[in-house]
Amino acid sequence: MNKKQLILTSFVIVLPALLGAFFWKALPEQIPTHFGIDGQADGYSSKLFTLVAFPILFVLFQIIALASLERVSVKVTVPAKMRKFYAWIVPTSSFIVQGSIYANALGWVKNSPTLVTAFLGIIFIILGNYLPKTHRNHTIGIRIPWTLSDDKKWYKTHRMAGKLWVIGGLIILLESFIQVALPYVMGVVIAIMIIAPMIYSFLLSRKA
């Protein structure tokens, strides 16, 4: 594993906790840490748990992610830029999620889930651009029996999925600012992004 990359990304993950420690006295004893699809807080944690548990959890996720990227099969089949992007998904997500939690608890923002939703849309857009460039592997991509069985099916499925994910990401990004039936729009869009490529791959397999 790339130790420098692990140290740098782990620092980004821990950075919001340092912010929480700095504003420790200003934070409420119970911090909203979970929000429903309507954007309202429906879960709370103590500020000590929030300060300690979240960074540890995200660092563990990051170790798993970086370890998976070190596989030889991944280095051969996945573009280098996409591997770098994957390496930063967890740290960036952690920074935004934890930062939004503290900003919401301190009263700096009123609707922190909006930031997470917008970030999710951006992730889908970037992934959609890189999906068609990945080659068949068992770590990154749409890994279902029909795509893993044949290079041509893998390519066609990921080319179709790439376009779909870019469109879906743009819709989610736009919806995060418009806020019109956001939970339902996100649910439908993400369901289509997941299910449609699987059905398409299955139909390709049946046609073959």
Protein backbone atom coordinates (compact mmCIF):
# COMPACT_ATOMS: atom_id res chain seq x y z
CA MET A 1 0.00 0.00 0.00
CA ASN A 2 1.13 3.53 -0.79
CA LYS A 3 1.97 4.81 2.70
CA LYS A 4 2.23 8.47 1.67
CA GLN A 5 -1.20 8.29 0.08
CA LEU A 6 -2.62 6.60 3.17
CA ILE A 7 -1.15 9.25 5.49
CA LEU A 8 -2.36 12.15 3.32
CA THR A 9 -5.89 10.80 2.85
CA SER A 10 -6.15 9.85 6.52
CA PHE A 11 -5.22 13.42 7.47
CA VAL A 12 -8.08 14.72 5.29
CA ILE A 13 -10.43 12.28 7.03
CA VAL A 14 -9.32 13.39 10.52
CA LEU A 15 -9.31 17.12 9.67
CA PRO A 16 -13.05 17.73 10.43
CA ALA A 17 -12.59 16.05 13.83
CA LEU A 18 -9.91 18.63 14.62
CA LEU A 19 -12.49 21.29 13.79
CA GLY A 20 -14.93 19.58 16.15
CA ALA A 21 -12.32 19.48 18.90
CA PHE A 22 -11.59 23.20 18.42
CA PHE A 23 -15.29 24.08 18.80
CA TRP A 24 -15.88 21.43 21.48
CA LYS A 25 -17.53 23.80 23.97
CA ALA A 26 -19.82 25.29 21.31
CA LEU A 27 -21.12 21.88 20.18
CA PRO A 28 -24.33 20.53 21.74
CA GLU A 29 -24.09 17.35 23.81
CA GLN A 30 -26.22 15.49 21.24
CA ILE A 31 -25.22 16.14 17.62
CA PRO A 32 -27.50 15.34 14.63
CA THR A 33 -25.58 12.67 12.71
CA HIS A 34 -28.30 11.11 10.56
CA PHE A 35 -30.80 12.82 8.31
CA GLY A 36 -33.92 11.46 6.67
CA ILE A 37 -34.75 11.75 2.99
CA ASP A 38 -36.63 14.95 3.83
CA GLY A 39 -33.42 16.54 5.14
CA GLN A 40 -34.58 16.52 8.74
CA ALA A 41 -32.39 15.11 11.52
CA ASP A 42 -33.66 11.73 12.75
CA GLY A 43 -30.59 10.38 14.53
CA TYR A 44 -28.29 11.84 17.18
CA SER A 45 -24.92 10.89 18.71
CA SER A 46 -22.88 12.26 21.58
CA LYS A 47 -20.19 14.72 20.56
CA LEU A 48 -17.45 12.42 21.90
CA PHE A 49 -18.73 9.52 19.78
CA THR A 50 -19.01 11.79 16.74
CA LEU A 51 -15.52 13.15 17.27
CA VAL A 52 -13.86 9.73 17.63
CA ALA A 53 -15.96 7.08 15.88
CA PHE A 54 -16.49 8.76 12.51
CA PRO A 55 -12.79 9.32 11.69
CA ILE A 56 -11.89 5.77 12.78
CA LEU A 57 -14.66 4.29 10.65
CA PHE A 58 -13.73 6.28 7.56
CA VAL A 59 -10.01 5.50 7.96
CA LEU A 60 -10.86 1.78 8.06
CA PHE A 61 -12.90 2.20 4.87
CA GLN A 62 -9.96 4.01 3.28
CA ILE A 63 -7.51 1.23 4.17
CA ILE A 64 -9.81 -1.31 2.50
CA ALA A 65 -10.20 0.94 -0.57
CA LEU A 66 -6.45 1.52 -0.98
CA ALA A 67 -5.71 -2.17 -0.48
CA SER A 68 -8.16 -3.12 -3.24
CA LEU A 69 -6.51 -0.63 -5.61
CA GLU A 70 -3.14 -2.35 -5.13
CA ARG A 71 -4.31 -5.54 -6.80
CA VAL A 72 -2.38 -6.32 -9.98
CA SER A 73 -5.62 -6.97 -11.89
CA VAL A 74 -6.88 -3.49 -10.99
CA LYS A 75 -3.64 -1.76 -12.01
CA VAL A 76 -3.78 -3.50 -15.40
CA THR A 77 -7.48 -2.98 -16.17
CA VAL A 78 -8.34 0.36 -14.55
CA PRO A 79 -6.94 3.71 -15.81
CA ALA A 80 -4.50 5.41 -13.45
CA LYS A 81 -6.64 8.56 -13.23
CA MET A 82 -9.65 6.49 -12.20
CA ARG A 83 -7.59 4.71 -9.51
CA LYS A 84 -6.51 8.09 -8.12
CA PHE A 85 -10.11 9.25 -8.15
CA TYR A 86 -11.23 6.12 -6.29
CA ALA A 87 -8.48 6.66 -3.74
CA TRP A 88 -9.96 10.05 -2.86
CA ILE A 89 -13.66 9.15 -2.76
CA VAL A 90 -13.64 8.06 0.89
CA PRO A 91 -11.53 11.00 2.20
CA THR A 92 -13.57 13.58 0.28
CA SER A 93 -16.87 11.98 1.31
CA SER A 94 -15.67 11.87 4.91
CA PHE A 95 -14.61 15.52 4.82
CA ILE A 96 -17.96 16.65 3.43
CA VAL A 97 -20.09 14.41 5.68
CA GLN A 98 -18.24 15.24 8.89
CA GLY A 99 -17.87 18.90 7.94
CA SER A 100 -21.61 19.10 7.23
CA ILE A 101 -22.41 17.48 10.59
CA TYR A 102 -20.30 20.00 12.53
CA ALA A 103 -21.48 22.95 10.43
CA ASN A 104 -25.09 21.94 11.04
CA ALA A 105 -24.50 21.43 14.78
CA LEU A 106 -22.84 24.84 15.06
CA GLY A 107 -25.64 26.53 13.13
CA TRP A 108 -23.48 27.53 10.18
CA VAL A 109 -25.71 25.79 7.63
CA LYS A 110 -29.40 24.94 7.77
CA ASN A 111 -29.54 22.03 5.33
CA SER A 112 -26.27 20.11 5.36
CA PRO A 113 -27.61 17.06 3.41
CA THR A 114 -27.74 19.32 0.35
CA LEU A 115 -23.93 19.39 0.26
CA VAL A 116 -23.75 15.60 0.42
CA THR A 117 -26.36 15.26 -2.35
CA ALA A 118 -24.49 17.66 -4.62
CA PHE A 119 -21.23 15.80 -3.98
CA LEU A 120 -22.94 12.50 -4.82
CA GLY A 121 -24.08 13.92 -8.14
CA ILE A 122 -20.52 15.03 -8.95
CA ILE A 123 -19.18 11.56 -8.11
CA PHE A 124 -21.66 9.94 -10.49
CA ILE A 125 -20.70 12.35 -13.28
CA ILE A 126 -16.97 11.61 -12.91
CA LEU A 127 -17.51 7.86 -12.60
CA GLY A 128 -19.73 7.92 -15.67
CA ASN A 129 -16.88 9.42 -17.68
CA TYR A 130 -14.41 6.74 -16.55
CA LEU A 131 -16.63 3.63 -16.62
CA PRO A 132 -16.26 2.99 -20.39
CA LYS A 133 -12.46 3.15 -19.99
CA THR A 134 -12.22 0.28 -17.50
CA HIS A 135 -11.44 -3.23 -18.64
CA ARG A 136 -12.96 -6.41 -17.27
CA ASN A 137 -11.99 -6.97 -13.62
CA HIS A 138 -13.47 -8.21 -10.34
CA THR A 139 -12.93 -5.03 -8.27
CA ILE A 140 -14.18 -1.89 -10.04
CA GLY A 141 -17.15 -1.62 -12.36
CA ILE A 142 -20.46 -3.38 -12.95
CA ARG A 143 -19.39 -6.82 -11.84
CA ILE A 144 -22.24 -9.20 -12.70
CA PRO A 145 -22.03 -12.63 -14.38
CA TRP A 146 -22.92 -11.34 -17.83
CA THR A 147 -20.31 -8.58 -17.91
CA LEU A 148 -17.57 -10.71 -16.35
CA SER A 149 -18.10 -13.47 -18.89
CA ASP A 150 -17.11 -11.49 -21.98
CA ASP A 151 -15.04 -8.40 -22.83
CA LYS A 152 -17.50 -7.19 -25.46
CA LYS A 153 -20.47 -7.36 -23.06
CA TRP A 154 -18.38 -5.61 -20.40
CA TYR A 155 -17.51 -2.75 -22.77
CA LYS A 156 -21.02 -2.27 -24.17
CA THR A 157 -22.59 -2.36 -20.71
CA HIS A 158 -20.12 0.14 -19.27
CA ARG A 159 -20.41 2.44 -22.28
CA MET A 160 -24.18 2.51 -21.80
CA ALA A 161 -23.86 2.83 -18.01
CA GLY A 162 -21.33 5.65 -18.37
CA LYS A 163 -23.77 7.81 -20.33
CA LEU A 164 -26.57 6.95 -17.93
CA TRP A 165 -24.49 7.80 -14.85
CA VAL A 166 -23.42 11.17 -16.27
CA ILE A 167 -27.06 12.07 -16.97
CA GLY A 168 -28.14 10.76 -13.56
CA GLY A 169 -25.35 12.68 -11.83
CA LEU A 170 -26.35 15.91 -13.58
CA ILE A 171 -29.98 15.43 -12.54
CA ILE A 172 -28.99 14.78 -8.89
CA LEU A 173 -26.62 17.76 -8.89
CA LEU A 174 -29.31 20.04 -10.31
CA GLU A 175 -31.94 18.62 -7.97
CA SER A 176 -29.74 19.25 -4.92
CA PHE A 177 -30.17 22.99 -5.58
CA ILE A 178 -33.76 22.98 -6.86
CA GLN A 179 -35.01 20.77 -4.00
CA VAL A 180 -38.19 19.66 -5.80
CA ALA A 181 -39.24 16.24 -4.49
CA LEU A 182 -35.54 15.49 -3.89
CA PRO A 183 -35.98 12.11 -2.07
CA TYR A 184 -38.19 10.69 -4.81
CA VAL A 185 -36.13 12.03 -7.70
CA MET A 186 -32.93 10.65 -6.18
CA GLY A 187 -34.53 7.28 -5.49
CA VAL A 188 -35.83 6.91 -9.04
CA VAL A 189 -32.63 8.17 -10.69
CA ILE A 190 -30.29 5.93 -8.67
CA ALA A 191 -32.58 2.90 -9.18
CA ILE A 192 -32.47 3.44 -12.94
CA MET A 193 -28.68 3.91 -12.87
CA ILE A 194 -28.26 0.57 -11.08
CA ILE A 195 -30.95 -1.59 -12.66
CA ALA A 196 -30.86 -0.42 -16.30
CA PRO A 197 -27.22 -1.52 -17.00
CA MET A 198 -27.93 -4.91 -15.40
CA ILE A 199 -30.99 -5.45 -17.60
CA TYR A 200 -29.06 -4.25 -20.66
CA SER A 201 -26.22 -6.67 -19.92
CA PHE A 202 -28.67 -9.52 -19.45
CA LEU A 203 -30.35 -8.75 -22.79
CA LEU A 204 -26.94 -8.69 -24.49
CA SER A 205 -26.22 -12.11 -23.01
CA ARG A 206 -29.55 -13.51 -24.20
CA LYS A 207 -29.03 -12.06 -27.66
CA ALA A 208 -25.58 -13.66 -27.87
